[in-house]
């Protein structure tokens, strides 16, 4: 079997306000970031980072993208 590898992506900003999932309407031009991350990433989270926060997500490369338990 092919080994499972993970790619981790971090995005950091200086805001202390944590992101929240939204329910944007069809015509909305913003508000889909966490919806996309949640749909595509294997895992994701938010961590405090000194003067702000970091949002991270992991993508599985090879194997199954999500474990079914």
PDB file of N, CA and C in Angstrom:
ATOM      1  N   UNK A   1       0.826  -1.200   0.000  1.00  0.00           N
ATOM      2  CA  UNK A   1       0.000   0.000   0.000  1.00  0.00           C
ATOM      3  C   UNK A   1       0.867   1.260   0.000  1.00  0.00           C
ATOM      4  N   UNK A   2       0.332   2.289  -0.595  1.00  0.00           N
ATOM      5  CA  UNK A   2       1.023   3.579  -0.669  1.00  0.00           C
ATOM      6  C   UNK A   2       1.060   4.238   0.708  1.00  0.00           C
ATOM      7  N   UNK A   3       2.219   4.775   1.122  1.00  0.00           N
ATOM      8  CA  UNK A   3       2.272   5.441   2.428  1.00  0.00           C
ATOM      9  C   UNK A   3       1.407   6.696   2.437  1.00  0.00           C
ATOM     10  N   UNK A   4       0.823   6.978   3.579  1.00  0.00           N
ATOM     11  CA  UNK A   4       0.005   8.173   3.738  1.00  0.00           C
ATOM     12  C   UNK A   4       0.906   9.316   4.194  1.00  0.00           C
ATOM     13  N   UNK A   5       0.840  10.411   3.502  1.00  0.00           N
ATOM     14  CA  UNK A   5       1.623  11.594   3.852  1.00  0.00           C
ATOM     15  C   UNK A   5       0.670  12.743   4.126  1.00  0.00           C
ATOM     16  N   UNK A   6       1.127  13.656   4.956  1.00  0.00           N
ATOM     17  CA  UNK A   6       0.294  14.805   5.293  1.00  0.00           C
ATOM     18  C   UNK A   6       1.014  16.095   4.937  1.00  0.00           C
ATOM     19  N   UNK A   7       0.233  17.052   4.502  1.00  0.00           N
ATOM     20  CA  UNK A   7       0.731  18.396   4.260  1.00  0.00           C
ATOM     21  C   UNK A   7       0.006  19.301   5.251  1.00  0.00           C
ATOM     22  N   UNK A   8       0.759  20.108   5.988  1.00  0.00           N
ATOM     23  CA  UNK A   8       0.155  21.040   6.941  1.00  0.00           C
ATOM     24  C   UNK A   8       0.389  22.462   6.459  1.00  0.00           C
ATOM     25  N   UNK A   9      -0.678  23.237   6.467  1.00  0.00           N
ATOM     26  CA  UNK A   9      -0.656  24.629   6.039  1.00  0.00           C
ATOM     27  C   UNK A   9      -1.046  25.496   7.226  1.00  0.00           C
ATOM     28  N   UNK A  10      -0.287  26.573   7.459  1.00  0.00           N
ATOM     29  CA  UNK A  10      -0.570  27.517   8.544  1.00  0.00           C
ATOM     30  C   UNK A  10      -0.811  28.890   7.942  1.00  0.00           C
ATOM     31  N   UNK A  11      -1.771  29.609   8.470  1.00  0.00           N
ATOM     32  CA  UNK A  11      -1.990  31.006   8.106  1.00  0.00           C
ATOM     33  C   UNK A  11      -2.079  31.776   9.416  1.00  0.00           C
ATOM     34  N   UNK A  12      -1.215  32.769   9.567  1.00  0.00           N
ATOM     35  CA  UNK A  12      -1.152  33.535  10.807  1.00  0.00           C
ATOM     36  C   UNK A  12      -1.549  34.980  10.543  1.00  0.00           C
ATOM     37  N   UNK A  13      -2.257  35.572  11.516  1.00  0.00           N
ATOM     38  CA  UNK A  13      -2.527  37.010  11.442  1.00  0.00           C
ATOM     39  C   UNK A  13      -2.413  37.612  12.834  1.00  0.00           C
ATOM     40  N   UNK A  14      -2.552  38.904  12.927  1.00  0.00           N
ATOM     41  CA  UNK A  14      -2.379  39.595  14.211  1.00  0.00           C
ATOM     42  C   UNK A  14      -3.691  39.837  14.942  1.00  0.00           C
ATOM     43  N   UNK A  15      -4.776  39.354  14.421  1.00  0.00           N
ATOM     44  CA  UNK A  15      -6.073  39.525  15.077  1.00  0.00           C
ATOM     45  C   UNK A  15      -6.261  38.447  16.139  1.00  0.00           C
ATOM     46  N   UNK A  16      -6.816  38.850  17.284  1.00  0.00           N
ATOM     47  CA  UNK A  16      -7.110  37.874  18.330  1.00  0.00           C
ATOM     48  C   UNK A  16      -8.512  37.279  18.166  1.00  0.00           C
ATOM     49  N   UNK A  17      -9.273  37.768  17.203  1.00  0.00           N
ATOM     50  CA  UNK A  17     -10.625  37.265  16.948  1.00  0.00           C
ATOM     51  C   UNK A  17     -10.529  35.955  16.181  1.00  0.00           C
ATOM     52  N   UNK A  18     -11.097  34.894  16.767  1.00  0.00           N
ATOM     53  CA  UNK A  18     -11.031  33.593  16.111  1.00  0.00           C
ATOM     54  C   UNK A  18     -12.039  33.525  14.973  1.00  0.00           C
ATOM     55  N   UNK A  19     -11.704  32.804  13.908  1.00  0.00           N
ATOM     56  CA  UNK A  19     -12.624  32.684  12.775  1.00  0.00           C
ATOM     57  C   UNK A  19     -13.838  31.861  13.170  1.00  0.00           C
ATOM     58  N   UNK A  20     -14.901  32.069  12.437  1.00  0.00           N
ATOM     59  CA  UNK A  20     -16.118  31.282  12.677  1.00  0.00           C
ATOM     60  C   UNK A  20     -16.698  30.865  11.335  1.00  0.00           C
ATOM     61  N   UNK A  21     -17.323  29.711  11.351  1.00  0.00           N
ATOM     62  CA  UNK A  21     -17.973  29.238  10.135  1.00  0.00           C
ATOM     63  C   UNK A  21     -19.214  30.079   9.886  1.00  0.00           C
ATOM     64  N   UNK A  22     -19.457  30.371   8.644  1.00  0.00           N
ATOM     65  CA  UNK A  22     -20.622  31.164   8.262  1.00  0.00           C
ATOM     66  C   UNK A  22     -21.505  30.354   7.329  1.00  0.00           C
ATOM     67  N   UNK A  23     -22.679  30.864   7.090  1.00  0.00           N
ATOM     68  CA  UNK A  23     -23.597  30.276   6.112  1.00  0.00           C
ATOM     69  C   UNK A  23     -23.908  31.339   5.066  1.00  0.00           C
ATOM     70  N   UNK A  24     -22.973  31.572   4.145  1.00  0.00           N
ATOM     71  CA  UNK A  24     -23.174  32.640   3.169  1.00  0.00           C
ATOM     72  C   UNK A  24     -24.253  32.282   2.151  1.00  0.00           C
ATOM     73  N   UNK A  25     -24.939  33.283   1.678  1.00  0.00           N
ATOM     74  CA  UNK A  25     -25.930  33.084   0.628  1.00  0.00           C
ATOM     75  C   UNK A  25     -25.243  32.820  -0.699  1.00  0.00           C
ATOM     76  N   UNK A  26     -25.996  32.422  -1.681  1.00  0.00           N
ATOM     77  CA  UNK A  26     -25.429  32.099  -2.994  1.00  0.00           C
ATOM     78  C   UNK A  26     -24.702  33.272  -3.631  1.00  0.00           C
ATOM     79  N   UNK A  27     -25.172  34.493  -3.400  1.00  0.00           N
ATOM     80  CA  UNK A  27     -24.572  35.668  -4.027  1.00  0.00           C
ATOM     81  C   UNK A  27     -23.434  36.272  -3.195  1.00  0.00           C
ATOM     82  N   UNK A  28     -23.183  35.741  -2.004  1.00  0.00           N
ATOM     83  CA  UNK A  28     -22.137  36.293  -1.131  1.00  0.00           C
ATOM     84  C   UNK A  28     -20.763  36.101  -1.770  1.00  0.00           C
ATOM     85  N   UNK A  29     -19.908  37.091  -1.581  1.00  0.00           N
ATOM     86  CA  UNK A  29     -18.553  37.012  -2.132  1.00  0.00           C
ATOM     87  C   UNK A  29     -17.518  36.704  -1.060  1.00  0.00           C
ATOM     88  N   UNK A  30     -17.934  36.548   0.197  1.00  0.00           N
ATOM     89  CA  UNK A  30     -17.041  36.196   1.298  1.00  0.00           C
ATOM     90  C   UNK A  30     -17.731  35.181   2.198  1.00  0.00           C
ATOM     91  N   UNK A  31     -16.965  34.641   3.157  1.00  0.00           N
ATOM     92  CA  UNK A  31     -17.562  33.779   4.169  1.00  0.00           C
ATOM     93  C   UNK A  31     -17.484  32.290   3.896  1.00  0.00           C
ATOM     94  N   UNK A  32     -16.683  31.883   2.915  1.00  0.00           N
ATOM     95  CA  UNK A  32     -16.612  30.459   2.582  1.00  0.00           C
ATOM     96  C   UNK A  32     -15.298  29.799   2.987  1.00  0.00           C
ATOM     97  N   UNK A  33     -14.370  30.563   3.538  1.00  0.00           N
ATOM     98  CA  UNK A  33     -13.046  30.034   3.846  1.00  0.00           C
ATOM     99  C   UNK A  33     -13.058  28.804   4.728  1.00  0.00           C
ATOM    100  N   UNK A  34     -13.672  28.897   5.905  1.00  0.00           N
ATOM    101  CA  UNK A  34     -13.684  27.741   6.800  1.00  0.00           C
ATOM    102  C   UNK A  34     -14.563  26.614   6.277  1.00  0.00           C
ATOM    103  N   UNK A  35     -15.593  26.945   5.513  1.00  0.00           N
ATOM    104  CA  UNK A  35     -16.405  25.888   4.900  1.00  0.00           C
ATOM    105  C   UNK A  35     -15.555  25.051   3.949  1.00  0.00           C
ATOM    106  N   UNK A  36     -14.714  25.720   3.165  1.00  0.00           N
ATOM    107  CA  UNK A  36     -13.825  24.995   2.249  1.00  0.00           C
ATOM    108  C   UNK A  36     -12.776  24.191   3.012  1.00  0.00           C
ATOM    109  N   UNK A  37     -12.169  24.806   4.021  1.00  0.00           N
ATOM    110  CA  UNK A  37     -11.163  24.097   4.818  1.00  0.00           C
ATOM    111  C   UNK A  37     -11.790  22.860   5.456  1.00  0.00           C
ATOM    112  N   UNK A  38     -12.969  23.008   6.041  1.00  0.00           N
ATOM    113  CA  UNK A  38     -13.630  21.880   6.702  1.00  0.00           C
ATOM    114  C   UNK A  38     -13.980  20.773   5.710  1.00  0.00           C
ATOM    115  N   UNK A  39     -14.371  21.147   4.511  1.00  0.00           N
ATOM    116  CA  UNK A  39     -14.747  20.150   3.502  1.00  0.00           C
ATOM    117  C   UNK A  39     -13.542  19.434   2.897  1.00  0.00           C
ATOM    118  N   UNK A  40     -12.416  20.129   2.767  1.00  0.00           N
ATOM    119  CA  UNK A  40     -11.276  19.565   2.048  1.00  0.00           C
ATOM    120  C   UNK A  40     -10.170  19.011   2.936  1.00  0.00           C
ATOM    121  N   UNK A  41     -10.009  19.560   4.128  1.00  0.00           N
ATOM    122  CA  UNK A  41      -8.895  19.164   4.995  1.00  0.00           C
ATOM    123  C   UNK A  41      -9.244  17.918   5.806  1.00  0.00           C
ATOM    124  N   UNK A  42      -8.217  17.168   6.137  1.00  0.00           N
ATOM    125  CA  UNK A  42      -8.392  16.006   6.999  1.00  0.00           C
ATOM    126  C   UNK A  42      -8.620  16.451   8.444  1.00  0.00           C
ATOM    127  N   UNK A  43      -7.857  17.463   8.868  1.00  0.00           N
ATOM    128  CA  UNK A  43      -7.971  18.055  10.207  1.00  0.00           C
ATOM    129  C   UNK A  43      -7.690  19.544  10.083  1.00  0.00           C
ATOM    130  N   UNK A  44      -8.234  20.337  11.012  1.00  0.00           N
ATOM    131  CA  UNK A  44      -7.898  21.758  11.056  1.00  0.00           C
ATOM    132  C   UNK A  44      -8.160  22.288  12.448  1.00  0.00           C
ATOM    133  N   UNK A  45      -7.576  23.451  12.739  1.00  0.00           N
ATOM    134  CA  UNK A  45      -7.775  24.051  14.043  1.00  0.00           C
ATOM    135  C   UNK A  45      -7.243  25.469  14.080  1.00  0.00           C
ATOM    136  N   UNK A  46      -7.371  26.084  15.246  1.00  0.00           N
ATOM    137  CA  UNK A  46      -6.921  27.457  15.469  1.00  0.00           C
ATOM    138  C   UNK A  46      -6.121  27.466  16.764  1.00  0.00           C
ATOM    139  N   UNK A  47      -5.016  28.196  16.770  1.00  0.00           N
ATOM    140  CA  UNK A  47      -4.180  28.308  17.964  1.00  0.00           C
ATOM    141  C   UNK A  47      -3.817  29.766  18.205  1.00  0.00           C
ATOM    142  N   UNK A  48      -3.772  30.156  19.479  1.00  0.00           N
ATOM    143  CA  UNK A  48      -3.282  31.486  19.834  1.00  0.00           C
ATOM    144  C   UNK A  48      -1.797  31.548  19.534  1.00  0.00           C
ATOM    145  N   UNK A  49      -1.349  32.691  19.019  1.00  0.00           N
ATOM    146  CA  UNK A  49       0.058  32.873  18.674  1.00  0.00           C
ATOM    147  C   UNK A  49       0.490  34.274  19.098  1.00  0.00           C
ATOM    148  N   UNK A  50       0.944  34.437  20.316  1.00  0.00           N
ATOM    149  CA  UNK A  50       1.477  35.715  20.775  1.00  0.00           C
ATOM    150  C   UNK A  50       0.547  36.871  20.524  1.00  0.00           C
ATOM    151  N   UNK A  51       0.787  37.607  19.441  1.00  0.00           N
ATOM    152  CA  UNK A  51      -0.002  38.793  19.142  1.00  0.00           C
ATOM    153  C   UNK A  51      -1.157  38.513  18.177  1.00  0.00           C
ATOM    154  N   UNK A  52      -1.551  37.269  18.019  1.00  0.00           N
ATOM    155  CA  UNK A  52      -2.653  36.947  17.108  1.00  0.00           C
ATOM    156  C   UNK A  52      -3.031  35.489  17.179  1.00  0.00           C
ATOM    157  N   UNK A  53      -3.250  34.890  16.025  1.00  0.00           N
ATOM    158  CA  UNK A  53      -3.665  33.487  15.956  1.00  0.00           C
ATOM    159  C   UNK A  53      -3.117  32.863  14.689  1.00  0.00           C
ATOM    160  N   UNK A  54      -3.154  31.549  14.657  1.00  0.00           N
ATOM    161  CA  UNK A  54      -2.800  30.795  13.454  1.00  0.00           C
ATOM    162  C   UNK A  54      -3.909  29.784  13.194  1.00  0.00           C
ATOM    163  N   UNK A  55      -4.377  29.743  11.972  1.00  0.00           N
ATOM    164  CA  UNK A  55      -5.323  28.722  11.537  1.00  0.00           C
ATOM    165  C   UNK A  55      -4.504  27.715  10.748  1.00  0.00           C
ATOM    166  N   UNK A  56      -4.647  26.435  11.076  1.00  0.00           N
ATOM    167  CA  UNK A  56      -3.884  25.402  10.391  1.00  0.00           C
ATOM    168  C   UNK A  56      -4.832  24.348   9.842  1.00  0.00           C
ATOM    169  N   UNK A  57      -4.374  23.648   8.828  1.00  0.00           N
ATOM    170  CA  UNK A  57      -5.136  22.517   8.308  1.00  0.00           C
ATOM    171  C   UNK A  57      -4.160  21.494   7.749  1.00  0.00           C
ATOM    172  N   UNK A  58      -4.580  20.247   7.763  1.00  0.00           N
ATOM    173  CA  UNK A  58      -3.784  19.145   7.219  1.00  0.00           C
ATOM    174  C   UNK A  58      -4.545  18.486   6.084  1.00  0.00           C
ATOM    175  N   UNK A  59      -3.814  18.164   5.041  1.00  0.00           N
ATOM    176  CA  UNK A  59      -4.352  17.437   3.901  1.00  0.00           C
ATOM    177  C   UNK A  59      -3.609  16.119   3.785  1.00  0.00           C
ATOM    178  N   UNK A  60      -4.316  15.043   3.571  1.00  0.00           N
ATOM    179  CA  UNK A  60      -3.712  13.732   3.390  1.00  0.00           C
ATOM    180  C   UNK A  60      -3.401  13.533   1.914  1.00  0.00           C
ATOM    181  N   UNK A  61      -2.179  13.064   1.646  1.00  0.00           N
ATOM    182  CA  UNK A  61      -1.756  12.790   0.275  1.00  0.00           C
ATOM    183  C   UNK A  61      -1.517  11.282   0.189  1.00  0.00           C
ATOM    184  N   UNK A  62      -2.223  10.615  -0.680  1.00  0.00           N
ATOM    185  CA  UNK A  62      -2.145   9.169  -0.769  1.00  0.00           C
ATOM    186  C   UNK A  62      -3.068   8.538   0.257  1.00  0.00           C
ATOM    187  N   UNK A  63      -3.518   7.381   0.008  1.00  0.00           N
ATOM    188  CA  UNK A  63      -4.438   6.722   0.942  1.00  0.00           C
ATOM    189  C   UNK A  63      -5.793   7.410   0.951  1.00  0.00           C
ATOM    190  N   UNK A  64      -6.579   7.156   1.963  1.00  0.00           N
ATOM    191  CA  UNK A  64      -7.910   7.727   2.094  1.00  0.00           C
ATOM    192  C   UNK A  64      -7.828   9.101   2.735  1.00  0.00           C
ATOM    193  N   UNK A  65      -8.528  10.120   2.202  1.00  0.00           N
ATOM    194  CA  UNK A  65      -8.441  11.456   2.766  1.00  0.00           C
ATOM    195  C   UNK A  65      -9.021  11.595   4.161  1.00  0.00           C
ATOM    196  N   UNK A  66     -10.002  10.813   4.509  1.00  0.00           N
ATOM    197  CA  UNK A  66     -10.586  10.858   5.854  1.00  0.00           C
ATOM    198  C   UNK A  66     -10.781   9.422   6.327  1.00  0.00           C
ATOM    199  N   UNK A  67     -10.446   9.202   7.586  1.00  0.00           N
ATOM    200  CA  UNK A  67     -10.694   7.863   8.127  1.00  0.00           C
ATOM    201  C   UNK A  67     -12.158   7.731   8.454  1.00  0.00           C
ATOM    202  N   UNK A  68     -12.711   6.552   8.237  1.00  0.00           N
ATOM    203  CA  UNK A  68     -14.131   6.329   8.489  1.00  0.00           C
ATOM    204  C   UNK A  68     -14.352   5.621   9.824  1.00  0.00           C
ATOM    205  N   UNK A  69     -13.298   5.488  10.591  1.00  0.00           N
ATOM    206  CA  UNK A  69     -13.414   4.976  11.939  1.00  0.00           C
ATOM    207  C   UNK A  69     -13.418   3.521  11.993  1.00  0.00           C
TER     208      UNK A  69
END
